[in-house]
Amino acid sequence: MAGKVGFIGLGIMGRPMVRNLMKAGYEVTVYDIVGTAVEEMVTEGATAAGSAREVAEQTPVIITMVPDSADSEAAIMGPNGVLEGADAGKAVIDMSSIAPASSQKIGAACDEAGVEFLDAPVSGGEPGAIAGTLAIMVGGSKSVFDKHFSLFGPMGSATYCGPYGAGNTTKLANQIIVALNIAAVAEALVLAKKAGLDPEIVFNAIKGGLAGSTVLNAKAPMMIAGNFRPGFRIALHQKDLNNALQTGRELGVPLPFTALVQQVVGSLMNEGKGVLDHSAIANFIEDMAQQKISG
């Protein structure tokens, strides 16, 4: 075995990440507030724990993968949380996408307990989690990053970004670019379709030029097919954009275009579309133009 690892948070990203760790030979102890998710992982070879504290008691390295800042703080610092079960010398790796200030708060609490900490959010969505090709952005001590570097390998490619919070600041930069890129792709394809062009032909014509991007390649086909099955939900991207705007306010950095797309995403949330893939940002443009990209 490659070693023992704890994993807290078995959502759309967490489950495939656990599978890749187990494929790599890690013995994984899991916990989630949703019991069926734990049961699913146990049938595939994981060991169940009854709380975050229990995970920490049983494993030397604990990964958390939960929705937002409050969830990370509760899982790690709260009652029955990781720090109640982690002895000095153990390590916590929070792979959730949260506010950088929250990562710094958790890092300070871990320091006080003698527990190593890294904030290590990811990009790549469900496809990247399944394929083990996530981009992992890591903040914390460089020596702690080096110590646990091999653990990231089954899940993706890790880059050291700086001290506590640097991983999540980098992730916010990523999410700004992704959101604005999706919105631009949506506007371009709606315009093309309204002009009587085939969006598939337009996509193929531009993807090899300067407009080409990973976002274009991943999201344009979904818009063209009208397929918004979630790889990364709108609700989660709204959370990331909120964190970006909050961080921008704290640092005195205006983010006008981020704010605009955040309002678009908020409108989609009000329509009950938060569970859809973030490529459904196209729905907002389609509704305004009275023109579907698909069909």
C-alpha atoms as a PDB file:
ATOM      1  CA  MET A   1       0.000   0.000   0.000  1.00  0.00           C
ATOM      2  CA  ALA A   2       1.069   3.576  -0.685  1.00  0.00           C
ATOM      3  CA  GLY A   3      -0.107   4.586   2.789  1.00  0.00           C
ATOM      4  CA  LYS A   4      -3.194   5.651   4.721  1.00  0.00           C
ATOM      5  CA  VAL A   5      -5.162   8.759   3.777  1.00  0.00           C
ATOM      6  CA  GLY A   6      -8.361  10.268   5.153  1.00  0.00           C
ATOM      7  CA  PHE A   7     -10.845  11.897   2.801  1.00  0.00           C
ATOM      8  CA  ILE A   8     -13.755  14.096   3.917  1.00  0.00           C
ATOM      9  CA  GLY A   9     -16.314  15.196   1.323  1.00  0.00           C
ATOM     10  CA  LEU A  10     -17.625  12.714  -1.230  1.00  0.00           C
ATOM     11  CA  GLY A  11     -19.433  14.922  -3.713  1.00  0.00           C
ATOM     12  CA  ILE A  12     -19.169  15.131  -7.489  1.00  0.00           C
ATOM     13  CA  MET A  13     -15.411  15.714  -7.195  1.00  0.00           C
ATOM     14  CA  GLY A  14     -14.552  13.817  -4.029  1.00  0.00           C
ATOM     15  CA  ARG A  15     -15.724  10.366  -5.107  1.00  0.00           C
ATOM     16  CA  PRO A  16     -13.571  10.121  -8.259  1.00  0.00           C
ATOM     17  CA  MET A  17     -10.607  11.587  -6.379  1.00  0.00           C
ATOM     18  CA  VAL A  18     -10.946   8.830  -3.764  1.00  0.00           C
ATOM     19  CA  ARG A  19     -11.156   6.219  -6.526  1.00  0.00           C
ATOM     20  CA  ASN A  20      -7.902   7.474  -8.041  1.00  0.00           C
ATOM     21  CA  LEU A  21      -6.162   7.387  -4.671  1.00  0.00           C
ATOM     22  CA  MET A  22      -7.306   3.807  -4.126  1.00  0.00           C
ATOM     23  CA  LYS A  23      -6.164   2.829  -7.641  1.00  0.00           C
ATOM     24  CA  ALA A  24      -2.748   4.216  -6.730  1.00  0.00           C
ATOM     25  CA  GLY A  25      -2.607   1.909  -3.720  1.00  0.00           C
ATOM     26  CA  TYR A  26      -3.674   4.237  -0.912  1.00  0.00           C
ATOM     27  CA  GLU A  27      -5.831   2.894   1.908  1.00  0.00           C
ATOM     28  CA  VAL A  28      -8.542   5.565   2.191  1.00  0.00           C
ATOM     29  CA  THR A  29     -10.815   6.223   5.170  1.00  0.00           C
ATOM     30  CA  VAL A  30     -13.812   8.354   4.179  1.00  0.00           C
ATOM     31  CA  TYR A  31     -16.534  10.489   5.747  1.00  0.00           C
ATOM     32  CA  ASP A  32     -19.391  12.552   4.388  1.00  0.00           C
ATOM     33  CA  ILE A  33     -22.578  13.905   5.936  1.00  0.00           C
ATOM     34  CA  VAL A  34     -24.423  11.983   3.190  1.00  0.00           C
ATOM     35  CA  GLY A  35     -24.365   8.374   4.297  1.00  0.00           C
ATOM     36  CA  THR A  36     -25.101   6.906   0.861  1.00  0.00           C
ATOM     37  CA  ALA A  37     -21.927   8.488  -0.519  1.00  0.00           C
ATOM     38  CA  VAL A  38     -19.893   6.801   2.216  1.00  0.00           C
ATOM     39  CA  GLU A  39     -21.593   3.471   1.526  1.00  0.00           C
ATOM     40  CA  GLU A  40     -20.793   3.781  -2.189  1.00  0.00           C
ATOM     41  CA  MET A  41     -17.101   4.294  -1.491  1.00  0.00           C
ATOM     42  CA  VAL A  42     -17.035   1.445   1.038  1.00  0.00           C
ATOM     43  CA  THR A  43     -18.388  -0.956  -1.604  1.00  0.00           C
ATOM     44  CA  GLU A  44     -15.402   0.090  -3.746  1.00  0.00           C
ATOM     45  CA  GLY A  45     -12.831  -0.563  -1.039  1.00  0.00           C
ATOM     46  CA  ALA A  46     -12.727   2.470   1.254  1.00  0.00           C
ATOM     47  CA  THR A  47     -13.094   2.339   5.050  1.00  0.00           C
ATOM     48  CA  ALA A  48     -15.967   4.255   6.641  1.00  0.00           C
ATOM     49  CA  ALA A  49     -15.606   6.720   9.518  1.00  0.00           C
ATOM     50  CA  GLY A  50     -18.402   8.251  11.566  1.00  0.00           C
ATOM     51  CA  SER A  51     -17.063  11.813  11.704  1.00  0.00           C
ATOM     52  CA  ALA A  52     -14.271  14.090  10.535  1.00  0.00           C
ATOM     53  CA  ARG A  53     -12.669  13.606  13.945  1.00  0.00           C
ATOM     54  CA  GLU A  54     -12.696   9.832  13.468  1.00  0.00           C
ATOM     55  CA  VAL A  55     -11.040  10.184  10.062  1.00  0.00           C
ATOM     56  CA  ALA A  56      -8.254  12.242  11.654  1.00  0.00           C
ATOM     57  CA  GLU A  57      -7.803   9.743  14.470  1.00  0.00           C
ATOM     58  CA  GLN A  58      -7.295   6.907  11.985  1.00  0.00           C
ATOM     59  CA  THR A  59      -5.094   8.518   9.303  1.00  0.00           C
ATOM     60  CA  PRO A  60      -1.881  10.590   9.203  1.00  0.00           C
ATOM     61  CA  VAL A  61      -2.960  12.785   6.260  1.00  0.00           C
ATOM     62  CA  ILE A  62      -6.502  14.119   5.946  1.00  0.00           C
ATOM     63  CA  ILE A  63      -7.890  15.600   2.728  1.00  0.00           C
ATOM     64  CA  THR A  64     -11.020  17.746   2.840  1.00  0.00           C
ATOM     65  CA  MET A  65     -13.113  18.443  -0.273  1.00  0.00           C
ATOM     66  CA  VAL A  66     -16.227  20.379   0.744  1.00  0.00           C
ATOM     67  CA  PRO A  67     -18.307  23.157  -0.875  1.00  0.00           C
ATOM     68  CA  ASP A  68     -17.297  26.467   0.767  1.00  0.00           C
ATOM     69  CA  SER A  69     -15.390  28.311   3.482  1.00  0.00           C
ATOM     70  CA  ALA A  70     -17.857  27.614   6.283  1.00  0.00           C
ATOM     71  CA  ASP A  71     -17.847  23.909   5.410  1.00  0.00           C
ATOM     72  CA  SER A  72     -14.048  23.712   5.494  1.00  0.00           C
ATOM     73  CA  GLU A  73     -13.902  25.560   8.804  1.00  0.00           C
ATOM     74  CA  ALA A  74     -16.556  23.273  10.304  1.00  0.00           C
ATOM     75  CA  ALA A  75     -14.951  20.077   9.019  1.00  0.00           C
ATOM     76  CA  ILE A  76     -11.486  21.041  10.239  1.00  0.00           C
ATOM     77  CA  MET A  77     -12.003  23.367  13.230  1.00  0.00           C
ATOM     78  CA  GLY A  78     -15.543  22.602  14.390  1.00  0.00           C
ATOM     79  CA  PRO A  79     -17.007  20.122  16.900  1.00  0.00           C
ATOM     80  CA  ASN A  80     -16.042  16.560  15.950  1.00  0.00           C
ATOM     81  CA  GLY A  81     -13.761  18.125  13.363  1.00  0.00           C
ATOM     82  CA  VAL A  82     -10.346  17.118  12.126  1.00  0.00           C
ATOM     83  CA  LEU A  83      -8.362  19.079  14.696  1.00  0.00           C
ATOM     84  CA  GLU A  84     -10.146  17.299  17.539  1.00  0.00           C
ATOM     85  CA  GLY A  85      -8.756  14.007  16.236  1.00  0.00           C
ATOM     86  CA  ALA A  86      -5.424  15.018  14.705  1.00  0.00           C
ATOM     87  CA  ASP A  87      -2.273  14.637  16.778  1.00  0.00           C
ATOM     88  CA  ALA A  88       0.664  16.985  16.291  1.00  0.00           C
ATOM     89  CA  GLY A  89       2.630  15.993  13.203  1.00  0.00           C
ATOM     90  CA  LYS A  90      -0.383  14.963  11.138  1.00  0.00           C
ATOM     91  CA  ALA A  91      -1.307  16.882   7.983  1.00  0.00           C
ATOM     92  CA  VAL A  92      -4.507  18.476   6.663  1.00  0.00           C
ATOM     93  CA  ILE A  93      -4.850  19.203   2.954  1.00  0.00           C
ATOM     94  CA  ASP A  94      -7.943  21.241   2.148  1.00  0.00           C
ATOM     95  CA  MET A  95      -8.703  20.785  -1.546  1.00  0.00           C
ATOM     96  CA  SER A  96     -11.927  22.788  -1.312  1.00  0.00           C
ATOM     97  CA  SER A  97     -12.268  26.069  -3.218  1.00  0.00           C
ATOM     98  CA  ILE A  98     -12.759  28.652  -0.482  1.00  0.00           C
ATOM     99  CA  ALA A  99     -11.897  32.246   0.406  1.00  0.00           C
ATOM    100  CA  PRO A 100      -8.134  32.781   0.857  1.00  0.00           C
ATOM    101  CA  ALA A 101      -8.754  34.472   4.220  1.00  0.00           C
ATOM    102  CA  SER A 102     -10.527  31.339   5.417  1.00  0.00           C
ATOM    103  CA  SER A 103      -7.547  29.201   4.369  1.00  0.00           C
ATOM    104  CA  GLN A 104      -5.278  31.506   6.359  1.00  0.00           C
ATOM    105  CA  LYS A 105      -7.572  31.174   9.389  1.00  0.00           C
ATOM    106  CA  ILE A 106      -7.526  27.362   9.142  1.00  0.00           C
ATOM    107  CA  GLY A 107      -3.760  27.386   8.620  1.00  0.00           C
ATOM    108  CA  ALA A 108      -3.258  29.398  11.800  1.00  0.00           C
ATOM    109  CA  ALA A 109      -5.427  26.971  13.779  1.00  0.00           C
ATOM    110  CA  CYS A 110      -3.453  24.029  12.401  1.00  0.00           C
ATOM    111  CA  ASP A 111      -0.166  25.740  13.290  1.00  0.00           C
ATOM    112  CA  GLU A 112      -1.385  26.183  16.851  1.00  0.00           C
ATOM    113  CA  ALA A 113      -2.205  22.466  17.031  1.00  0.00           C
ATOM    114  CA  GLY A 114       1.122  21.423  15.528  1.00  0.00           C
ATOM    115  CA  VAL A 115      -0.658  20.053  12.455  1.00  0.00           C
ATOM    116  CA  GLU A 116       0.671  20.649   8.943  1.00  0.00           C
ATOM    117  CA  PHE A 117      -1.698  22.424   6.545  1.00  0.00           C
ATOM    118  CA  LEU A 118      -1.960  23.057   2.818  1.00  0.00           C
ATOM    119  CA  ASP A 119      -4.742  24.764   0.888  1.00  0.00           C
ATOM    120  CA  ALA A 120      -4.900  22.958  -2.438  1.00  0.00           C
ATOM    121  CA  PRO A 121      -7.971  23.802  -4.542  1.00  0.00           C
ATOM    122  CA  VAL A 122      -8.385  22.197  -7.936  1.00  0.00           C
ATOM    123  CA  SER A 123      -9.526  23.007 -11.457  1.00  0.00           C
ATOM    124  CA  GLY A 124     -10.751  20.584 -14.068  1.00  0.00           C
ATOM    125  CA  GLY A 125     -14.243  19.726 -12.900  1.00  0.00           C
ATOM    126  CA  GLU A 126     -15.690  16.248 -12.784  1.00  0.00           C
ATOM    127  CA  PRO A 127     -13.941  15.134 -16.017  1.00  0.00           C
ATOM    128  CA  GLY A 128     -10.554  16.085 -14.545  1.00  0.00           C
ATOM    129  CA  ALA A 129     -11.377  14.420 -11.234  1.00  0.00           C
ATOM    130  CA  ILE A 130     -12.319  11.195 -13.027  1.00  0.00           C
ATOM    131  CA  ALA A 131      -9.274  11.242 -15.316  1.00  0.00           C
ATOM    132  CA  GLY A 132      -6.864  12.225 -12.529  1.00  0.00           C
ATOM    133  CA  THR A 133      -5.785  15.319 -14.483  1.00  0.00           C
ATOM    134  CA  LEU A 134      -6.827  18.092 -12.102  1.00  0.00           C
ATOM    135  CA  ALA A 135      -4.771  21.255 -11.900  1.00  0.00           C
ATOM    136  CA  ILE A 136      -3.948  21.542  -8.186  1.00  0.00           C
ATOM    137  CA  MET A 137      -2.931  24.960  -6.816  1.00  0.00           C
ATOM    138  CA  VAL A 138      -1.204  24.711  -3.445  1.00  0.00           C
ATOM    139  CA  GLY A 139      -0.558  27.199  -0.652  1.00  0.00           C
ATOM    140  CA  GLY A 140       1.402  26.627   2.553  1.00  0.00           C
ATOM    141  CA  SER A 141       4.942  25.762   3.547  1.00  0.00           C
ATOM    142  CA  LYS A 142       7.138  24.686   0.617  1.00  0.00           C
ATOM    143  CA  SER A 143       8.672  21.950   2.764  1.00  0.00           C
ATOM    144  CA  VAL A 144       5.216  20.572   3.612  1.00  0.00           C
ATOM    145  CA  PHE A 145       4.277  20.736  -0.083  1.00  0.00           C
ATOM    146  CA  ASP A 146       7.419  18.802  -1.012  1.00  0.00           C
ATOM    147  CA  LYS A 147       6.741  16.234   1.710  1.00  0.00           C
ATOM    148  CA  HIS A 148       3.268  15.421   0.390  1.00  0.00           C
ATOM    149  CA  PHE A 149       3.873  16.077  -3.319  1.00  0.00           C
ATOM    150  CA  SER A 150       3.530  12.424  -4.335  1.00  0.00           C
ATOM    151  CA  LEU A 151       0.027  12.271  -2.821  1.00  0.00           C
ATOM    152  CA  PHE A 152      -1.231  14.729  -5.424  1.00  0.00           C
ATOM    153  CA  GLY A 153      -0.008  12.598  -8.344  1.00  0.00           C
ATOM    154  CA  PRO A 154      -3.002  10.229  -8.620  1.00  0.00           C
ATOM    155  CA  MET A 155      -5.373  13.205  -8.652  1.00  0.00           C
ATOM    156  CA  GLY A 156      -3.562  15.581 -10.990  1.00  0.00           C
ATOM    157  CA  SER A 157      -0.665  17.992 -11.365  1.00  0.00           C
ATOM    158  CA  ALA A 158       0.249  20.161  -8.365  1.00  0.00           C
ATOM    159  CA  THR A 159       1.905  23.577  -8.454  1.00  0.00           C
ATOM    160  CA  TYR A 160       3.259  25.353  -5.374  1.00  0.00           C
ATOM    161  CA  CYS A 161       1.863  28.908  -5.340  1.00  0.00           C
ATOM    162  CA  GLY A 162       3.012  30.466  -2.046  1.00  0.00           C
ATOM    163  CA  PRO A 163       1.985  30.706   1.649  1.00  0.00           C
ATOM    164  CA  TYR A 164      -1.399  29.927   3.210  1.00  0.00           C
ATOM    165  CA  GLY A 165      -4.189  31.202   0.978  1.00  0.00           C
ATOM    166  CA  ALA A 166      -2.047  31.333  -2.171  1.00  0.00           C
ATOM    167  CA  GLY A 167      -3.656  28.195  -3.543  1.00  0.00           C
ATOM    168  CA  ASN A 168      -7.131  29.659  -3.223  1.00  0.00           C
ATOM    169  CA  THR A 169      -6.085  33.066  -4.550  1.00  0.00           C
ATOM    170  CA  THR A 170      -4.723  31.265  -7.615  1.00  0.00           C
ATOM    171  CA  LYS A 171      -7.985  29.311  -7.898  1.00  0.00           C
ATOM    172  CA  LEU A 172      -9.979  32.552  -7.828  1.00  0.00           C
ATOM    173  CA  ALA A 173      -7.842  33.895 -10.677  1.00  0.00           C
ATOM    174  CA  ASN A 174      -8.612  30.680 -12.549  1.00  0.00           C
ATOM    175  CA  GLN A 175     -12.345  30.969 -11.894  1.00  0.00           C
ATOM    176  CA  ILE A 176     -12.478  34.576 -13.079  1.00  0.00           C
ATOM    177  CA  ILE A 177     -10.891  33.586 -16.385  1.00  0.00           C
ATOM    178  CA  VAL A 178     -13.129  30.533 -16.791  1.00  0.00           C
ATOM    179  CA  ALA A 179     -16.374  32.417 -16.049  1.00  0.00           C
ATOM    180  CA  LEU A 180     -15.606  35.318 -18.361  1.00  0.00           C
ATOM    181  CA  ASN A 181     -14.441  32.920 -21.070  1.00  0.00           C
ATOM    182  CA  ILE A 182     -17.670  30.898 -20.862  1.00  0.00           C
ATOM    183  CA  ALA A 183     -19.703  34.086 -21.123  1.00  0.00           C
ATOM    184  CA  ALA A 184     -17.708  35.176 -24.185  1.00  0.00           C
ATOM    185  CA  VAL A 185     -18.177  31.772 -25.856  1.00  0.00           C
ATOM    186  CA  ALA A 186     -21.919  31.972 -25.177  1.00  0.00           C
ATOM    187  CA  GLU A 187     -22.245  35.455 -26.672  1.00  0.00           C
ATOM    188  CA  ALA A 188     -20.220  34.466 -29.752  1.00  0.00           C
ATOM    189  CA  LEU A 189     -22.230  31.321 -30.471  1.00  0.00           C
ATOM    190  CA  VAL A 190     -25.604  33.004 -29.941  1.00  0.00           C
ATOM    191  CA  LEU A 191     -24.524  35.753 -32.328  1.00  0.00           C
ATOM    192  CA  ALA A 192     -23.410  33.190 -34.914  1.00  0.00           C
ATOM    193  CA  LYS A 193     -26.654  31.208 -34.663  1.00  0.00           C
ATOM    194  CA  LYS A 194     -28.804  34.360 -34.871  1.00  0.00           C
ATOM    195  CA  ALA A 195     -26.881  35.326 -38.023  1.00  0.00           C
ATOM    196  CA  GLY A 196     -27.906  32.017 -39.585  1.00  0.00           C
ATOM    197  CA  LEU A 197     -24.568  30.234 -39.216  1.00  0.00           C
ATOM    198  CA  ASP A 198     -23.952  26.717 -37.962  1.00  0.00           C
ATOM    199  CA  PRO A 199     -22.364  27.096 -34.484  1.00  0.00           C
ATOM    200  CA  GLU A 200     -20.449  23.836 -34.995  1.00  0.00           C
ATOM    201  CA  ILE A 201     -18.754  25.241 -38.090  1.00  0.00           C
ATOM    202  CA  VAL A 202     -17.968  28.513 -36.297  1.00  0.00           C
ATOM    203  CA  PHE A 203     -16.480  26.568 -33.378  1.00  0.00           C
ATOM    204  CA  ASN A 204     -14.291  24.468 -35.666  1.00  0.00           C
ATOM    205  CA  ALA A 205     -13.171  27.563 -37.568  1.00  0.00           C
ATOM    206  CA  ILE A 206     -12.026  29.527 -34.521  1.00  0.00           C
ATOM    207  CA  LYS A 207     -10.745  26.898 -32.119  1.00  0.00           C
ATOM    208  CA  GLY A 208      -7.308  26.756 -33.760  1.00  0.00           C
ATOM    209  CA  GLY A 209      -6.825  30.521 -33.654  1.00  0.00           C
ATOM    210  CA  LEU A 210      -6.207  33.054 -30.911  1.00  0.00           C
ATOM    211  CA  ALA A 211      -9.714  32.507 -29.505  1.00  0.00           C
ATOM    212  CA  GLY A 212      -8.922  28.842 -28.922  1.00  0.00           C
ATOM    213  CA  SER A 213      -8.855  27.725 -25.297  1.00  0.00           C
ATOM    214  CA  THR A 214      -9.509  24.767 -23.026  1.00  0.00           C
ATOM    215  CA  VAL A 215     -12.776  26.459 -22.023  1.00  0.00           C
ATOM    216  CA  LEU A 216     -13.847  26.838 -25.666  1.00  0.00           C
ATOM    217  CA  ASN A 217     -13.028  23.210 -26.423  1.00  0.00           C
ATOM    218  CA  ALA A 218     -14.859  21.910 -23.352  1.00  0.00           C
ATOM    219  CA  LYS A 219     -17.905  24.186 -23.225  1.00  0.00           C
ATOM    220  CA  ALA A 220     -18.778  25.097 -26.829  1.00  0.00           C
ATOM    221  CA  PRO A 221     -19.759  21.487 -27.700  1.00  0.00           C
ATOM    222  CA  MET A 222     -22.009  21.409 -24.617  1.00  0.00           C
ATOM    223  CA  MET A 223     -23.734  24.637 -25.650  1.00  0.00           C
ATOM    224  CA  ILE A 224     -24.103  23.408 -29.240  1.00  0.00           C
ATOM    225  CA  ALA A 225     -25.663  20.153 -28.023  1.00  0.00           C
ATOM    226  CA  GLY A 226     -27.783  21.876 -25.374  1.00  0.00           C
ATOM    227  CA  ASN A 227     -26.190  19.505 -22.863  1.00  0.00           C
ATOM    228  CA  PHE A 228     -25.767  21.130 -19.470  1.00  0.00           C
ATOM    229  CA  ARG A 229     -25.222  18.018 -17.348  1.00  0.00           C
ATOM    230  CA  PRO A 230     -23.024  19.260 -14.523  1.00  0.00           C
ATOM    231  CA  GLY A 231     -19.286  18.803 -14.541  1.00  0.00           C
ATOM    232  CA  PHE A 232     -19.028  21.953 -12.442  1.00  0.00           C
ATOM    233  CA  ARG A 233     -22.296  23.392 -11.192  1.00  0.00           C
ATOM    234  CA  ILE A 234     -23.381  27.010 -11.592  1.00  0.00           C
ATOM    235  CA  ALA A 235     -23.998  27.200  -7.841  1.00  0.00           C
ATOM    236  CA  LEU A 236     -20.349  26.396  -7.129  1.00  0.00           C
ATOM    237  CA  HIS A 237     -19.097  28.916  -9.657  1.00  0.00           C
ATOM    238  CA  GLN A 238     -21.322  31.566  -8.070  1.00  0.00           C
ATOM    239  CA  LYS A 239     -19.634  30.785  -4.745  1.00  0.00           C
ATOM    240  CA  ASP A 240     -16.188  31.178  -6.332  1.00  0.00           C
ATOM    241  CA  LEU A 241     -17.095  34.492  -7.958  1.00  0.00           C
ATOM    242  CA  ASN A 242     -18.490  35.762  -4.657  1.00  0.00           C
ATOM    243  CA  ASN A 243     -15.185  34.832  -3.002  1.00  0.00           C
ATOM    244  CA  ALA A 244     -13.280  36.589  -5.800  1.00  0.00           C
ATOM    245  CA  LEU A 245     -15.303  39.782  -5.356  1.00  0.00           C
ATOM    246  CA  GLN A 246     -14.894  39.628  -1.573  1.00  0.00           C
ATOM    247  CA  THR A 247     -11.126  39.204  -1.946  1.00  0.00           C
ATOM    248  CA  GLY A 248     -11.030  42.026  -4.492  1.00  0.00           C
ATOM    249  CA  ARG A 249     -12.771  44.326  -2.020  1.00  0.00           C
ATOM    250  CA  GLU A 250     -10.339  43.358   0.727  1.00  0.00           C
ATOM    251  CA  LEU A 251      -7.357  44.087  -1.529  1.00  0.00           C
ATOM    252  CA  GLY A 252      -8.784  47.183  -3.215  1.00  0.00           C
ATOM    253  CA  VAL A 253      -8.878  45.544  -6.651  1.00  0.00           C
ATOM    254  CA  PRO A 254     -11.892  46.412  -8.846  1.00  0.00           C
ATOM    255  CA  LEU A 255     -13.279  43.378 -10.699  1.00  0.00           C
ATOM    256  CA  PRO A 256     -15.992  44.893 -12.896  1.00  0.00           C
ATOM    257  CA  PHE A 257     -16.322  42.096 -15.439  1.00  0.00           C
ATOM    258  CA  THR A 258     -16.298  39.441 -12.722  1.00  0.00           C
ATOM    259  CA  ALA A 259     -19.112  41.335 -11.022  1.00  0.00           C
ATOM    260  CA  LEU A 260     -21.126  41.387 -14.245  1.00  0.00           C
ATOM    261  CA  VAL A 261     -20.850  37.638 -14.794  1.00  0.00           C
ATOM    262  CA  GLN A 262     -21.600  37.055 -11.109  1.00  0.00           C
ATOM    263  CA  GLN A 263     -24.898  38.903 -11.640  1.00  0.00           C
ATOM    264  CA  VAL A 264     -25.646  36.706 -14.680  1.00  0.00           C
ATOM    265  CA  VAL A 265     -24.964  33.618 -12.609  1.00  0.00           C
ATOM    266  CA  GLY A 266     -27.154  34.985  -9.821  1.00  0.00           C
ATOM    267  CA  SER A 267     -30.032  35.374 -12.282  1.00  0.00           C
ATOM    268  CA  LEU A 268     -29.646  31.752 -13.365  1.00  0.00           C
ATOM    269  CA  MET A 269     -29.653  30.685  -9.721  1.00  0.00           C
ATOM    270  CA  ASN A 270     -32.970  32.487  -9.270  1.00  0.00           C
ATOM    271  CA  GLU A 271     -34.341  30.451 -12.183  1.00  0.00           C
ATOM    272  CA  GLY A 272     -33.432  27.221 -10.396  1.00  0.00           C
ATOM    273  CA  LYS A 273     -30.512  26.474 -12.702  1.00  0.00           C
ATOM    274  CA  GLY A 274     -27.832  26.290 -10.024  1.00  0.00           C
ATOM    275  CA  VAL A 275     -27.544  22.517 -10.474  1.00  0.00           C
ATOM    276  CA  LEU A 276     -26.646  22.852 -14.168  1.00  0.00           C
ATOM    277  CA  ASP A 277     -23.119  22.973 -15.581  1.00  0.00           C
ATOM    278  CA  HIS A 278     -21.613  26.457 -15.683  1.00  0.00           C
ATOM    279  CA  SER A 279     -21.764  26.279 -19.482  1.00  0.00           C
ATOM    280  CA  ALA A 280     -25.466  27.070 -18.915  1.00  0.00           C
ATOM    281  CA  ILE A 281     -24.350  30.702 -18.586  1.00  0.00           C
ATOM    282  CA  ALA A 282     -25.293  30.472 -22.268  1.00  0.00           C
ATOM    283  CA  ASN A 283     -28.959  30.232 -21.233  1.00  0.00           C
ATOM    284  CA  PHE A 284     -28.873  33.836 -20.021  1.00  0.00           C
ATOM    285  CA  ILE A 285     -27.594  35.088 -23.386  1.00  0.00           C
ATOM    286  CA  GLU A 286     -30.002  32.818 -25.278  1.00  0.00           C
ATOM    287  CA  ASP A 287     -32.963  34.173 -23.319  1.00  0.00           C
ATOM    288  CA  MET A 288     -32.003  37.792 -23.963  1.00  0.00           C
ATOM    289  CA  ALA A 289     -31.510  37.149 -27.687  1.00  0.00           C
ATOM    290  CA  GLN A 290     -34.495  34.786 -27.993  1.00  0.00           C
ATOM    291  CA  GLN A 291     -32.155  32.428 -29.784  1.00  0.00           C
ATOM    292  CA  LYS A 292     -31.018  28.935 -28.769  1.00  0.00           C
ATOM    293  CA  ILE A 293     -27.549  27.789 -29.797  1.00  0.00           C
ATOM    294  CA  SER A 294     -28.653  24.147 -30.058  1.00  0.00           C
ATOM    295  CA  GLY A 295     -31.181  22.778 -32.523  1.00  0.00           C
END
